[in-house]
PDB file of N, CA and C in Angstrom:
ATOM      1  N   UNK A   1     123.417  78.608 145.671  1.00  0.00           N
ATOM      2  CA  UNK A   1     123.451  78.960 144.349  1.00  0.00           C
ATOM      3  C   UNK A   1     122.439  80.197 144.153  1.00  0.00           C
ATOM      4  N   UNK A   2     122.700  81.230 143.589  1.00  0.00           N
ATOM      5  CA  UNK A   2     122.460  82.569 143.603  1.00  0.00           C
ATOM      6  C   UNK A   2     122.300  82.532 141.914  1.00  0.00           C
ATOM      7  N   UNK A   3     120.730  82.592 141.253  1.00  0.00           N
ATOM      8  CA  UNK A   3     120.916  83.030 139.933  1.00  0.00           C
ATOM      9  C   UNK A   3     120.304  84.707 139.419  1.00  0.00           C
ATOM     10  N   UNK A   4     121.444  85.216 138.965  1.00  0.00           N
ATOM     11  CA  UNK A   4     120.764  86.878 139.015  1.00  0.00           C
ATOM     12  C   UNK A   4     119.881  86.905 137.163  1.00  0.00           C
ATOM     13  N   UNK A   5     118.740  87.445 137.530  1.00  0.00           N
ATOM     14  CA  UNK A   5     118.147  87.618 135.718  1.00  0.00           C
ATOM     15  C   UNK A   5     118.088  88.790 135.649  1.00  0.00           C
ATOM     16  N   UNK A   6     118.848  89.384 134.392  1.00  0.00           N
ATOM     17  CA  UNK A   6     118.145  91.244 134.575  1.00  0.00           C
ATOM     18  C   UNK A   6     116.910  91.090 133.874  1.00  0.00           C
ATOM     19  N   UNK A   7     116.167  91.847 134.029  1.00  0.00           N
ATOM     20  CA  UNK A   7     115.526  92.374 133.558  1.00  0.00           C
ATOM     21  C   UNK A   7     115.150  93.647 132.837  1.00  0.00           C
ATOM     22  N   UNK A   8     114.103  93.583 131.788  1.00  0.00           N
ATOM     23  CA  UNK A   8     114.028  94.546 130.761  1.00  0.00           C
ATOM     24  C   UNK A   8     112.629  95.203 130.394  1.00  0.00           C
ATOM     25  N   UNK A   9     112.226  96.331 130.256  1.00  0.00           N
ATOM     26  CA  UNK A   9     110.896  97.037 129.541  1.00  0.00           C
ATOM     27  C   UNK A   9     111.404  96.563 128.261  1.00  0.00           C
ATOM     28  N   UNK A  10     110.066  96.309 127.663  1.00  0.00           N
ATOM     29  CA  UNK A  10     109.883  96.548 126.053  1.00  0.00           C
ATOM     30  C   UNK A  10     108.626  96.764 125.691  1.00  0.00           C
ATOM     31  N   UNK A  11     108.584  96.977 124.608  1.00  0.00           N
ATOM     32  CA  UNK A  11     106.879  97.492 123.819  1.00  0.00           C
ATOM     33  C   UNK A  11     106.633  96.999 122.818  1.00  0.00           C
ATOM     34  N   UNK A  12     105.704  95.729 123.056  1.00  0.00           N
ATOM     35  CA  UNK A  12     105.383  95.268 121.795  1.00  0.00           C
ATOM     36  C   UNK A  12     104.230  94.848 121.975  1.00  0.00           C
ATOM     37  N   UNK A  13     103.382  95.282 120.183  1.00  0.00           N
ATOM     38  CA  UNK A  13     102.144  95.122 119.876  1.00  0.00           C
ATOM     39  C   UNK A  13     101.308  96.261 120.647  1.00  0.00           C
ATOM     40  N   UNK A  14     101.975  96.948 121.342  1.00  0.00           N
ATOM     41  CA  UNK A  14     101.456  98.011 121.917  1.00  0.00           C
ATOM     42  C   UNK A  14     100.930  97.873 123.388  1.00  0.00           C
ATOM     43  N   UNK A  15     101.592  96.749 123.976  1.00  0.00           N
ATOM     44  CA  UNK A  15     101.623  96.821 125.482  1.00  0.00           C
ATOM     45  C   UNK A  15     103.707  96.905 126.156  1.00  0.00           C
ATOM     46  N   UNK A  16     103.721  97.482 126.998  1.00  0.00           N
ATOM     47  CA  UNK A  16     104.512  97.138 128.398  1.00  0.00           C
ATOM     48  C   UNK A  16     104.841  96.307 128.956  1.00  0.00           C
ATOM     49  N   UNK A  17     106.260  95.527 128.670  1.00  0.00           N
ATOM     50  CA  UNK A  17     106.037  94.135 129.185  1.00  0.00           C
ATOM     51  C   UNK A  17     107.320  94.053 130.236  1.00  0.00           C
ATOM     52  N   UNK A  18     107.907  93.779 131.072  1.00  0.00           N
ATOM     53  CA  UNK A  18     109.133  93.566 131.808  1.00  0.00           C
ATOM     54  C   UNK A  18     109.350  91.844 131.720  1.00  0.00           C
ATOM     55  N   UNK A  19     110.332  91.746 131.086  1.00  0.00           N
ATOM     56  CA  UNK A  19     110.460  89.910 130.664  1.00  0.00           C
ATOM     57  C   UNK A  19     112.289  90.170 131.035  1.00  0.00           C
ATOM     58  N   UNK A  20     112.971  88.932 131.193  1.00  0.00           N
ATOM     59  CA  UNK A  20     114.125  88.986 131.061  1.00  0.00           C
ATOM     60  C   UNK A  20     114.668  88.666 130.273  1.00  0.00           C
ATOM     61  N   UNK A  21     116.158  89.536 129.868  1.00  0.00           N
ATOM     62  CA  UNK A  21     116.873  90.353 128.620  1.00  0.00           C
ATOM     63  C   UNK A  21     117.208  88.828 127.461  1.00  0.00           C
ATOM     64  N   UNK A  22     116.837  87.693 128.053  1.00  0.00           N
ATOM     65  CA  UNK A  22     116.836  87.180 127.221  1.00  0.00           C
ATOM     66  C   UNK A  22     115.642  86.862 126.033  1.00  0.00           C
ATOM     67  N   UNK A  23     114.556  86.871 127.050  1.00  0.00           N
ATOM     68  CA  UNK A  23     113.545  87.175 126.202  1.00  0.00           C
ATOM     69  C   UNK A  23     113.207  88.769 125.139  1.00  0.00           C
ATOM     70  N   UNK A  24     113.691  89.531 126.128  1.00  0.00           N
ATOM     71  CA  UNK A  24     113.575  90.749 125.567  1.00  0.00           C
ATOM     72  C   UNK A  24     114.761  90.646 124.368  1.00  0.00           C
ATOM     73  N   UNK A  25     115.890  89.871 123.903  1.00  0.00           N
ATOM     74  CA  UNK A  25     116.219  90.206 122.309  1.00  0.00           C
ATOM     75  C   UNK A  25     115.341  89.048 121.832  1.00  0.00           C
ATOM     76  N   UNK A  26     115.114  88.088 122.129  1.00  0.00           N
ATOM     77  CA  UNK A  26     113.875  87.092 121.095  1.00  0.00           C
ATOM     78  C   UNK A  26     112.871  87.914 120.445  1.00  0.00           C
ATOM     79  N   UNK A  27     112.363  88.770 121.466  1.00  0.00           N
ATOM     80  CA  UNK A  27     110.941  89.893 121.456  1.00  0.00           C
ATOM     81  C   UNK A  27     111.638  91.445 120.125  1.00  0.00           C
ATOM     82  N   UNK A  28     112.704  91.771 120.634  1.00  0.00           N
ATOM     83  CA  UNK A  28     113.171  92.554 119.344  1.00  0.00           C
ATOM     84  C   UNK A  28     113.609  91.969 118.187  1.00  0.00           C
ATOM     85  N   UNK A  29     113.487  90.589 117.837  1.00  0.00           N
ATOM     86  CA  UNK A  29     114.142  89.836 116.729  1.00  0.00           C
ATOM     87  C   UNK A  29     112.709  89.665 116.278  1.00  0.00           C
ATOM     88  N   UNK A  30     111.507  89.493 116.873  1.00  0.00           N
ATOM     89  CA  UNK A  30     110.438  88.972 116.334  1.00  0.00           C
ATOM     90  C   UNK A  30     110.013  87.960 115.988  1.00  0.00           C
ATOM     91  N   UNK A  31     110.710  87.085 116.976  1.00  0.00           N
ATOM     92  CA  UNK A  31     110.582  85.998 117.675  1.00  0.00           C
ATOM     93  C   UNK A  31     109.518  85.165 118.119  1.00  0.00           C
ATOM     94  N   UNK A  32     108.722  85.823 119.197  1.00  0.00           N
ATOM     95  CA  UNK A  32     107.760  85.347 120.133  1.00  0.00           C
ATOM     96  C   UNK A  32     106.418  86.034 119.644  1.00  0.00           C
ATOM     97  N   UNK A  33     106.885  86.763 118.418  1.00  0.00           N
ATOM     98  CA  UNK A  33     105.004  87.224 118.413  1.00  0.00           C
ATOM     99  C   UNK A  33     105.316  87.490 116.732  1.00  0.00           C
ATOM    100  N   UNK A  34     104.061  86.578 116.565  1.00  0.00           N
ATOM    101  CA  UNK A  34     103.645  86.374 114.979  1.00  0.00           C
ATOM    102  C   UNK A  34     102.962  87.579 114.623  1.00  0.00           C
ATOM    103  N   UNK A  35     102.040  88.385 114.927  1.00  0.00           N
ATOM    104  CA  UNK A  35     101.816  89.426 114.948  1.00  0.00           C
ATOM    105  C   UNK A  35     102.253  90.513 114.295  1.00  0.00           C
ATOM    106  N   UNK A  36     103.449  90.828 114.743  1.00  0.00           N
ATOM    107  CA  UNK A  36     104.358  91.787 114.530  1.00  0.00           C
ATOM    108  C   UNK A  36     105.742  91.320 113.716  1.00  0.00           C
ATOM    109  N   UNK A  37     106.020  90.459 113.713  1.00  0.00           N
ATOM    110  CA  UNK A  37     106.843  89.723 112.969  1.00  0.00           C
ATOM    111  C   UNK A  37     106.720  89.293 111.656  1.00  0.00           C
ATOM    112  N   UNK A  38     105.589  88.694 110.985  1.00  0.00           N
ATOM    113  CA  UNK A  38     105.388  88.195 109.953  1.00  0.00           C
ATOM    114  C   UNK A  38     104.403  89.019 108.962  1.00  0.00           C
ATOM    115  N   UNK A  39     105.010  89.666 108.220  1.00  0.00           N
ATOM    116  CA  UNK A  39     104.105  90.315 107.167  1.00  0.00           C
ATOM    117  C   UNK A  39     103.363  89.994 106.570  1.00  0.00           C
ATOM    118  N   UNK A  40     102.143  90.493 106.086  1.00  0.00           N
ATOM    119  CA  UNK A  40     101.000  89.880 105.909  1.00  0.00           C
ATOM    120  C   UNK A  40     101.307  89.031 104.229  1.00  0.00           C
ATOM    121  N   UNK A  41     100.492  88.428 104.356  1.00  0.00           N
ATOM    122  CA  UNK A  41      99.958  87.748 102.694  1.00  0.00           C
ATOM    123  C   UNK A  41      99.681  88.376 102.245  1.00  0.00           C
ATOM    124  N   UNK A  42      99.824  88.480 100.661  1.00  0.00           N
ATOM    125  CA  UNK A  42      99.328  88.888  99.379  1.00  0.00           C
ATOM    126  C   UNK A  42      98.003  88.568  99.849  1.00  0.00           C
ATOM    127  N   UNK A  43      97.057  89.220  99.343  1.00  0.00           N
ATOM    128  CA  UNK A  43      95.306  88.463  99.164  1.00  0.00           C
ATOM    129  C   UNK A  43      95.630  87.592  97.927  1.00  0.00           C
ATOM    130  N   UNK A  44      95.092  86.404  98.280  1.00  0.00           N
ATOM    131  CA  UNK A  44      95.128  85.335  96.836  1.00  0.00           C
ATOM    132  C   UNK A  44      93.860  85.822  96.453  1.00  0.00           C
ATOM    133  N   UNK A  45      94.142  84.846  95.026  1.00  0.00           N
ATOM    134  CA  UNK A  45      93.190  85.525  93.911  1.00  0.00           C
ATOM    135  C   UNK A  45      91.838  85.363  94.490  1.00  0.00           C
ATOM    136  N   UNK A  46      91.694  84.054  95.220  1.00  0.00           N
ATOM    137  CA  UNK A  46      89.812  84.062  95.705  1.00  0.00           C
ATOM    138  C   UNK A  46      89.736  85.157  96.319  1.00  0.00           C
ATOM    139  N   UNK A  47      90.877  86.041  97.539  1.00  0.00           N
ATOM    140  CA  UNK A  47      90.494  86.747  98.317  1.00  0.00           C
ATOM    141  C   UNK A  47      89.943  88.046  97.688  1.00  0.00           C
ATOM    142  N   UNK A  48      90.559  87.803  96.165  1.00  0.00           N
ATOM    143  CA  UNK A  48      90.043  89.171  95.522  1.00  0.00           C
ATOM    144  C   UNK A  48      88.963  89.155  94.532  1.00  0.00           C
ATOM    145  N   UNK A  49      88.458  88.051  94.176  1.00  0.00           N
ATOM    146  CA  UNK A  49      87.125  87.580  93.894  1.00  0.00           C
ATOM    147  C   UNK A  49      85.932  87.562  95.067  1.00  0.00           C
ATOM    148  N   UNK A  50      86.603  87.469  96.090  1.00  0.00           N
ATOM    149  CA  UNK A  50      85.756  87.906  97.790  1.00  0.00           C
ATOM    150  C   UNK A  50      85.444  86.220  97.669  1.00  0.00           C
ATOM    151  N   UNK A  51      84.690  86.162  99.217  1.00  0.00           N
ATOM    152  CA  UNK A  51      84.262  85.263  99.892  1.00  0.00           C
ATOM    153  C   UNK A  51      82.665  85.004  99.744  1.00  0.00           C
ATOM    154  N   UNK A  52      82.000  83.748  99.387  1.00  0.00           N
ATOM    155  CA  UNK A  52      80.318  84.317  99.048  1.00  0.00           C
ATOM    156  C   UNK A  52      80.157  83.739 101.247  1.00  0.00           C
ATOM    157  N   UNK A  53      79.040  84.763 100.981  1.00  0.00           N
ATOM    158  CA  UNK A  53      78.841  84.791 102.054  1.00  0.00           C
ATOM    159  C   UNK A  53      77.028  84.931 101.878  1.00  0.00           C
ATOM    160  N   UNK A  54      76.606  84.169 103.286  1.00  0.00           N
ATOM    161  CA  UNK A  54      74.832  84.206 103.324  1.00  0.00           C
ATOM    162  C   UNK A  54      74.981  84.642 104.540  1.00  0.00           C
ATOM    163  N   UNK A  55      73.766  85.290 104.921  1.00  0.00           N
ATOM    164  CA  UNK A  55      73.486  85.576 105.907  1.00  0.00           C
ATOM    165  C   UNK A  55      72.243  86.326 106.476  1.00  0.00           C
ATOM    166  N   UNK A  56      71.653  86.968 107.787  1.00  0.00           N
ATOM    167  CA  UNK A  56      70.492  87.603 107.808  1.00  0.00           C
ATOM    168  C   UNK A  56      70.737  88.996 108.101  1.00  0.00           C
ATOM    169  N   UNK A  57      69.957  90.150 107.309  1.00  0.00           N
ATOM    170  CA  UNK A  57      70.765  91.326 107.782  1.00  0.00           C
ATOM    171  C   UNK A  57      69.471  91.585 109.459  1.00  0.00           C
ATOM    172  N   UNK A  58      70.511  92.412 110.772  1.00  0.00           N
ATOM    173  CA  UNK A  58      69.755  92.201 111.607  1.00  0.00           C
ATOM    174  C   UNK A  58      69.517  93.592 111.855  1.00  0.00           C
ATOM    175  N   UNK A  59      70.432  94.971 111.181  1.00  0.00           N
ATOM    176  CA  UNK A  59      69.649  96.141 110.873  1.00  0.00           C
ATOM    177  C   UNK A  59      70.481  96.871 109.951  1.00  0.00           C
ATOM    178  N   UNK A  60      69.756  98.075 109.575  1.00  0.00           N
ATOM    179  CA  UNK A  60      70.517  98.639 108.905  1.00  0.00           C
ATOM    180  C   UNK A  60      70.871 100.072 108.993  1.00  0.00           C
ATOM    181  N   UNK A  61      72.212 100.293 108.904  1.00  0.00           N
ATOM    182  CA  UNK A  61      73.261 101.390 109.634  1.00  0.00           C
ATOM    183  C   UNK A  61      73.713 102.594 108.141  1.00  0.00           C
ATOM    184  N   UNK A  62      72.204 103.384 108.000  1.00  0.00           N
ATOM    185  CA  UNK A  62      72.405 104.206 106.709  1.00  0.00           C
ATOM    186  C   UNK A  62      73.566 105.370 107.088  1.00  0.00           C
ATOM    187  N   UNK A  63      73.628 105.783 108.552  1.00  0.00           N
ATOM    188  CA  UNK A  63      75.217 106.850 108.921  1.00  0.00           C
ATOM    189  C   UNK A  63      76.338 106.541 108.472  1.00  0.00           C
ATOM    190  N   UNK A  64      76.375 104.940 109.026  1.00  0.00           N
ATOM    191  CA  UNK A  64      77.493 104.368 108.368  1.00  0.00           C
ATOM    192  C   UNK A  64      78.009 103.479 107.202  1.00  0.00           C
ATOM    193  N   UNK A  65      77.216 103.895 106.670  1.00  0.00           N
ATOM    194  CA  UNK A  65      77.079 103.050 104.866  1.00  0.00           C
ATOM    195  C   UNK A  65      77.165 101.578 105.012  1.00  0.00           C
ATOM    196  N   UNK A  66      76.754 100.819 106.290  1.00  0.00           N
ATOM    197  CA  UNK A  66      77.004  99.966 106.455  1.00  0.00           C
ATOM    198  C   UNK A  66      75.468  98.693 107.060  1.00  0.00           C
ATOM    199  N   UNK A  67      75.655  97.181 107.326  1.00  0.00           N
ATOM    200  CA  UNK A  67      74.634  96.504 107.279  1.00  0.00           C
ATOM    201  C   UNK A  67      75.301  95.868 108.508  1.00  0.00           C
ATOM    202  N   UNK A  68      74.081  95.331 109.755  1.00  0.00           N
ATOM    203  CA  UNK A  68      75.082  94.467 110.742  1.00  0.00           C
ATOM    204  C   UNK A  68      74.281  93.079 110.072  1.00  0.00           C
ATOM    205  N   UNK A  69      75.225  92.621 110.009  1.00  0.00           N
ATOM    206  CA  UNK A  69      74.680  91.077 109.093  1.00  0.00           C
ATOM    207  C   UNK A  69      75.226  89.907 110.076  1.00  0.00           C
ATOM    208  N   UNK A  70      74.265  88.730 110.299  1.00  0.00           N
ATOM    209  CA  UNK A  70      74.689  87.714 111.259  1.00  0.00           C
ATOM    210  C   UNK A  70      74.651  86.559 110.116  1.00  0.00           C
ATOM    211  N   UNK A  71      75.984  86.442 109.663  1.00  0.00           N
ATOM    212  CA  UNK A  71      76.380  85.190 108.392  1.00  0.00           C
ATOM    213  C   UNK A  71      76.619  83.922 109.132  1.00  0.00           C
ATOM    214  N   UNK A  72      76.422  83.230 108.194  1.00  0.00           N
ATOM    215  CA  UNK A  72      77.355  81.711 108.167  1.00  0.00           C
ATOM    216  C   UNK A  72      78.531  81.792 108.211  1.00  0.00           C
ATOM    217  N   UNK A  73      79.089  80.724 108.365  1.00  0.00           N
ATOM    218  CA  UNK A  73      80.693  80.523 108.411  1.00  0.00           C
ATOM    219  C   UNK A  73      81.221  80.485 106.858  1.00  0.00           C
ATOM    220  N   UNK A  74      82.307  80.898 107.227  1.00  0.00           N
ATOM    221  CA  UNK A  74      82.796  81.175 105.525  1.00  0.00           C
ATOM    222  C   UNK A  74      83.999  80.176 105.676  1.00  0.00           C
ATOM    223  N   UNK A  75      83.984  79.331 105.605  1.00  0.00           N
ATOM    224  CA  UNK A  75      85.223  78.317 105.587  1.00  0.00           C
ATOM    225  C   UNK A  75      86.514  78.797 104.972  1.00  0.00           C
ATOM    226  N   UNK A  76      87.684  78.368 105.974  1.00  0.00           N
ATOM    227  CA  UNK A  76      88.693  78.822 105.642  1.00  0.00           C
ATOM    228  C   UNK A  76      89.006  80.406 105.997  1.00  0.00           C
ATOM    229  N   UNK A  77      87.838  81.255 106.389  1.00  0.00           N
ATOM    230  CA  UNK A  77      88.219  82.518 106.436  1.00  0.00           C
ATOM    231  C   UNK A  77      87.415  82.989 107.951  1.00  0.00           C
ATOM    232  N   UNK A  78      86.358  83.189 108.125  1.00  0.00           N
ATOM    233  CA  UNK A  78      85.935  83.403 109.706  1.00  0.00           C
ATOM    234  C   UNK A  78      84.555  82.581 110.022  1.00  0.00           C
ATOM    235  N   UNK A  79      84.604  82.260 111.137  1.00  0.00           N
ATOM    236  CA  UNK A  79      83.439  81.582 111.628  1.00  0.00           C
ATOM    237  C   UNK A  79      82.246  82.151 111.653  1.00  0.00           C
ATOM    238  N   UNK A  80      81.001  81.614 111.580  1.00  0.00           N
ATOM    239  CA  UNK A  80      80.040  82.192 112.019  1.00  0.00           C
ATOM    240  C   UNK A  80      79.810  83.651 112.921  1.00  0.00           C
ATOM    241  N   UNK A  81      79.588  84.243 112.870  1.00  0.00           N
ATOM    242  CA  UNK A  81      79.473  85.729 113.687  1.00  0.00           C
ATOM    243  C   UNK A  81      78.496  86.653 112.938  1.00  0.00           C
ATOM    244  N   UNK A  82      78.183  87.991 114.110  1.00  0.00           N
ATOM    245  CA  UNK A  82      77.302  89.044 113.592  1.00  0.00           C
ATOM    246  C   UNK A  82      77.949  90.001 113.497  1.00  0.00           C
ATOM    247  N   UNK A  83      78.222  90.979 112.618  1.00  0.00           N
ATOM    248  CA  UNK A  83      79.120  91.814 112.423  1.00  0.00           C
ATOM    249  C   UNK A  83      78.425  92.745 111.602  1.00  0.00           C
ATOM    250  N   UNK A  84      79.621  94.073 111.575  1.00  0.00           N
ATOM    251  CA  UNK A  84      79.027  95.335 110.706  1.00  0.00           C
ATOM    252  C   UNK A  84      79.972  95.257 109.250  1.00  0.00           C
ATOM    253  N   UNK A  85      78.780  95.703 108.133  1.00  0.00           N
ATOM    254  CA  UNK A  85      79.648  95.303 106.922  1.00  0.00           C
ATOM    255  C   UNK A  85      79.631  95.931 106.074  1.00  0.00           C
ATOM    256  N   UNK A  86      80.818  97.141 105.510  1.00  0.00           N
ATOM    257  CA  UNK A  86      79.938  98.196 104.907  1.00  0.00           C
ATOM    258  C   UNK A  86      79.491  97.975 103.491  1.00  0.00           C
ATOM    259  N   UNK A  87      79.020  98.754 102.667  1.00  0.00           N
ATOM    260  CA  UNK A  87      77.821  98.586 101.576  1.00  0.00           C
ATOM    261  C   UNK A  87      78.055  99.613 100.778  1.00  0.00           C
ATOM    262  N   UNK A  88      77.955  99.135  99.394  1.00  0.00           N
ATOM    263  CA  UNK A  88      77.444 100.664  98.484  1.00  0.00           C
ATOM    264  C   UNK A  88      76.390 101.023  98.911  1.00  0.00           C
ATOM    265  N   UNK A  89      76.240 102.459  98.690  1.00  0.00           N
ATOM    266  CA  UNK A  89      74.935 103.523  99.388  1.00  0.00           C
ATOM    267  C   UNK A  89      73.616 102.896  98.529  1.00  0.00           C
ATOM    268  N   UNK A  90      73.762 102.612  97.718  1.00  0.00           N
ATOM    269  CA  UNK A  90      72.374 101.946  96.780  1.00  0.00           C
ATOM    270  C   UNK A  90      71.834 100.615  97.503  1.00  0.00           C
ATOM    271  N   UNK A  91      72.432  99.909  98.525  1.00  0.00           N
ATOM    272  CA  UNK A  91      72.069  98.660  98.923  1.00  0.00           C
ATOM    273  C   UNK A  91      71.206  99.254 100.152  1.00  0.00           C
ATOM    274  N   UNK A  92      71.597  99.829 100.471  1.00  0.00           N
ATOM    275  CA  UNK A  92      70.643 100.699 101.825  1.00  0.00           C
ATOM    276  C   UNK A  92      69.139 100.889 101.948  1.00  0.00           C
ATOM    277  N   UNK A  93      68.550 100.590 100.632  1.00  0.00           N
ATOM    278  CA  UNK A  93      67.554 101.275 100.387  1.00  0.00           C
ATOM    279  C   UNK A  93      66.918  99.742  99.521  1.00  0.00           C
ATOM    280  N   UNK A  94      67.526  98.702  99.500  1.00  0.00           N
ATOM    281  CA  UNK A  94      67.385  97.504  99.039  1.00  0.00           C
ATOM    282  C   UNK A  94      66.945  96.804  99.807  1.00  0.00           C
ATOM    283  N   UNK A  95      67.671  96.784 100.966  1.00  0.00           N
ATOM    284  CA  UNK A  95      67.184  95.825 101.955  1.00  0.00           C
ATOM    285  C   UNK A  95      66.780  96.075 103.664  1.00  0.00           C
ATOM    286  N   UNK A  96      65.736  95.193 104.139  1.00  0.00           N
ATOM    287  CA  UNK A  96      65.790  95.572 105.492  1.00  0.00           C
ATOM    288  C   UNK A  96      66.083  94.720 106.441  1.00  0.00           C
ATOM    289  N   UNK A  97      66.001  94.915 107.772  1.00  0.00           N
ATOM    290  CA  UNK A  97      66.498  93.844 108.863  1.00  0.00           C
ATOM    291  C   UNK A  97      65.815  92.662 108.854  1.00  0.00           C
ATOM    292  N   UNK A  98      65.820  91.430 108.787  1.00  0.00           N
ATOM    293  CA  UNK A  98      65.292  90.075 108.744  1.00  0.00           C
ATOM    294  C   UNK A  98      65.134  89.884 106.941  1.00  0.00           C
ATOM    295  N   UNK A  99      65.749  90.268 106.556  1.00  0.00           N
ATOM    296  CA  UNK A  99      65.732  89.798 105.236  1.00  0.00           C
ATOM    297  C   UNK A  99      67.278  89.070 104.733  1.00  0.00           C
ATOM    298  N   UNK A 100      66.905  87.927 104.167  1.00  0.00           N
ATOM    299  CA  UNK A 100      68.411  86.901 104.045  1.00  0.00           C
ATOM    300  C   UNK A 100      68.775  87.334 102.638  1.00  0.00           C
ATOM    301  N   UNK A 101      70.364  87.535 102.782  1.00  0.00           N
ATOM    302  CA  UNK A 101      71.240  87.794 101.583  1.00  0.00           C
ATOM    303  C   UNK A 101      72.170  87.124 101.359  1.00  0.00           C
ATOM    304  N   UNK A 102      72.615  87.401 100.169  1.00  0.00           N
ATOM    305  CA  UNK A 102      73.677  86.602  99.983  1.00  0.00           C
ATOM    306  C   UNK A 102      74.676  87.566  98.919  1.00  0.00           C
ATOM    307  N   UNK A 103      75.931  87.460  99.443  1.00  0.00           N
ATOM    308  CA  UNK A 103      77.230  88.680  98.850  1.00  0.00           C
ATOM    309  C   UNK A 103      78.571  88.034  98.650  1.00  0.00           C
ATOM    310  N   UNK A 104      79.560  89.032  98.085  1.00  0.00           N
ATOM    311  CA  UNK A 104      80.881  88.445  98.465  1.00  0.00           C
ATOM    312  C   UNK A 104      81.328  89.319  99.132  1.00  0.00           C
ATOM    313  N   UNK A 105      82.160  88.857 100.379  1.00  0.00           N
ATOM    314  CA  UNK A 105      82.915  89.539 101.759  1.00  0.00           C
ATOM    315  C   UNK A 105      84.050  89.995 100.979  1.00  0.00           C
ATOM    316  N   UNK A 106      84.061  91.060 100.734  1.00  0.00           N
ATOM    317  CA  UNK A 106      85.712  91.524 100.421  1.00  0.00           C
ATOM    318  C   UNK A 106      86.418  92.482 101.707  1.00  0.00           C
ATOM    319  N   UNK A 107      87.968  92.316 101.746  1.00  0.00           N
ATOM    320  CA  UNK A 107      88.329  93.104 103.018  1.00  0.00           C
ATOM    321  C   UNK A 107      89.650  94.040 102.089  1.00  0.00           C
ATOM    322  N   UNK A 108      89.462  95.279 102.664  1.00  0.00           N
ATOM    323  CA  UNK A 108      90.438  96.210 101.549  1.00  0.00           C
ATOM    324  C   UNK A 108      91.711  96.245 102.219  1.00  0.00           C
ATOM    325  N   UNK A 109      92.541  97.307 101.746  1.00  0.00           N
ATOM    326  CA  UNK A 109      93.707  97.508 102.616  1.00  0.00           C
ATOM    327  C   UNK A 109      93.794  97.779 103.547  1.00  0.00           C
ATOM    328  N   UNK A 110      92.889  98.378 104.578  1.00  0.00           N
ATOM    329  CA  UNK A 110      93.079  98.804 105.651  1.00  0.00           C
ATOM    330  C   UNK A 110      92.120  97.764 106.658  1.00  0.00           C
ATOM    331  N   UNK A 111      91.713  96.540 106.195  1.00  0.00           N
ATOM    332  CA  UNK A 111      91.281  95.876 106.877  1.00  0.00           C
ATOM    333  C   UNK A 111      90.057  95.732 107.043  1.00  0.00           C
ATOM    334  N   UNK A 112      88.892  96.543 106.711  1.00  0.00           N
ATOM    335  CA  UNK A 112      88.097  96.991 106.805  1.00  0.00           C
ATOM    336  C   UNK A 112      86.952  95.981 105.663  1.00  0.00           C
ATOM    337  N   UNK A 113      85.907  95.342 106.599  1.00  0.00           N
ATOM    338  CA  UNK A 113      85.303  94.284 105.607  1.00  0.00           C
ATOM    339  C   UNK A 113      84.124  95.021 104.617  1.00  0.00           C
ATOM    340  N   UNK A 114      84.042  94.554 103.921  1.00  0.00           N
ATOM    341  CA  UNK A 114      83.030  95.366 103.078  1.00  0.00           C
ATOM    342  C   UNK A 114      82.078  94.012 102.028  1.00  0.00           C
ATOM    343  N   UNK A 115      81.004  94.464 101.623  1.00  0.00           N
ATOM    344  CA  UNK A 115      79.886  93.531 100.535  1.00  0.00           C
ATOM    345  C   UNK A 115      79.967  93.962  99.491  1.00  0.00           C
ATOM    346  N   UNK A 116      79.994  93.081  98.390  1.00  0.00           N
ATOM    347  CA  UNK A 116      79.751  93.568  96.941  1.00  0.00           C
ATOM    348  C   UNK A 116      78.393  92.656  96.436  1.00  0.00           C
ATOM    349  N   UNK A 117      78.158  92.739  95.528  1.00  0.00           N
ATOM    350  CA  UNK A 117      76.900  91.994  94.718  1.00  0.00           C
ATOM    351  C   UNK A 117      75.719  91.026  96.028  1.00  0.00           C
ATOM    352  N   UNK A 118      75.354  92.251  96.602  1.00  0.00           N
ATOM    353  CA  UNK A 118      74.463  91.765  98.049  1.00  0.00           C
ATOM    354  C   UNK A 118      73.078  91.993  97.174  1.00  0.00           C
ATOM    355  N   UNK A 119      72.442  90.365  97.362  1.00  0.00           N
ATOM    356  CA  UNK A 119      71.419  90.143  96.890  1.00  0.00           C
ATOM    357  C   UNK A 119      70.461  89.331  97.600  1.00  0.00           C
ATOM    358  N   UNK A 120      69.245  90.272  98.092  1.00  0.00           N
ATOM    359  CA  UNK A 120      68.095  90.001  98.614  1.00  0.00           C
ATOM    360  C   UNK A 120      67.488  88.422  98.191  1.00  0.00           C
ATOM    361  N   UNK A 121      67.192  87.544  99.368  1.00  0.00           N
ATOM    362  CA  UNK A 121      66.877  85.931  98.752  1.00  0.00           C
ATOM    363  C   UNK A 121      65.196  85.743  98.868  1.00  0.00           C
ATOM    364  N   UNK A 122      64.475  85.147  98.130  1.00  0.00           N
ATOM    365  CA  UNK A 122      63.357  85.214  99.059  1.00  0.00           C
ATOM    366  C   UNK A 122      62.929  84.501  99.509  1.00  0.00           C
ATOM    367  N   UNK A 123      61.784  84.116 100.704  1.00  0.00           N
ATOM    368  CA  UNK A 123      62.008  82.839 101.627  1.00  0.00           C
ATOM    369  C   UNK A 123      60.979  81.929 101.173  1.00  0.00           C
TER     370      UNK A 123
END
């Protein structure tokens, strides 16, 4: 028995794929790709208040108005990691590499993470 499978090219999540017609139909309906099919949930009240962050400043990026911070895990939000986080301009002169900080982590409508209420902790 010979089985004929029809292939189609589809574009999903920025990738071109060659798939069977049945899979292409599912992709077009948004059934196989949660990143494209599901609208992001509205921010929770907790997210609007910010997520408590504790970390150590690795560097101050004045030209980007940001800090590179090695932070602890933020339960339910992200694992511990080192990342660049935007801050208000006055924070750039208050902190230096090696400072332990606490802050509130927020995410704007464009998906950019930023810090508010940055406080340097005494050693």
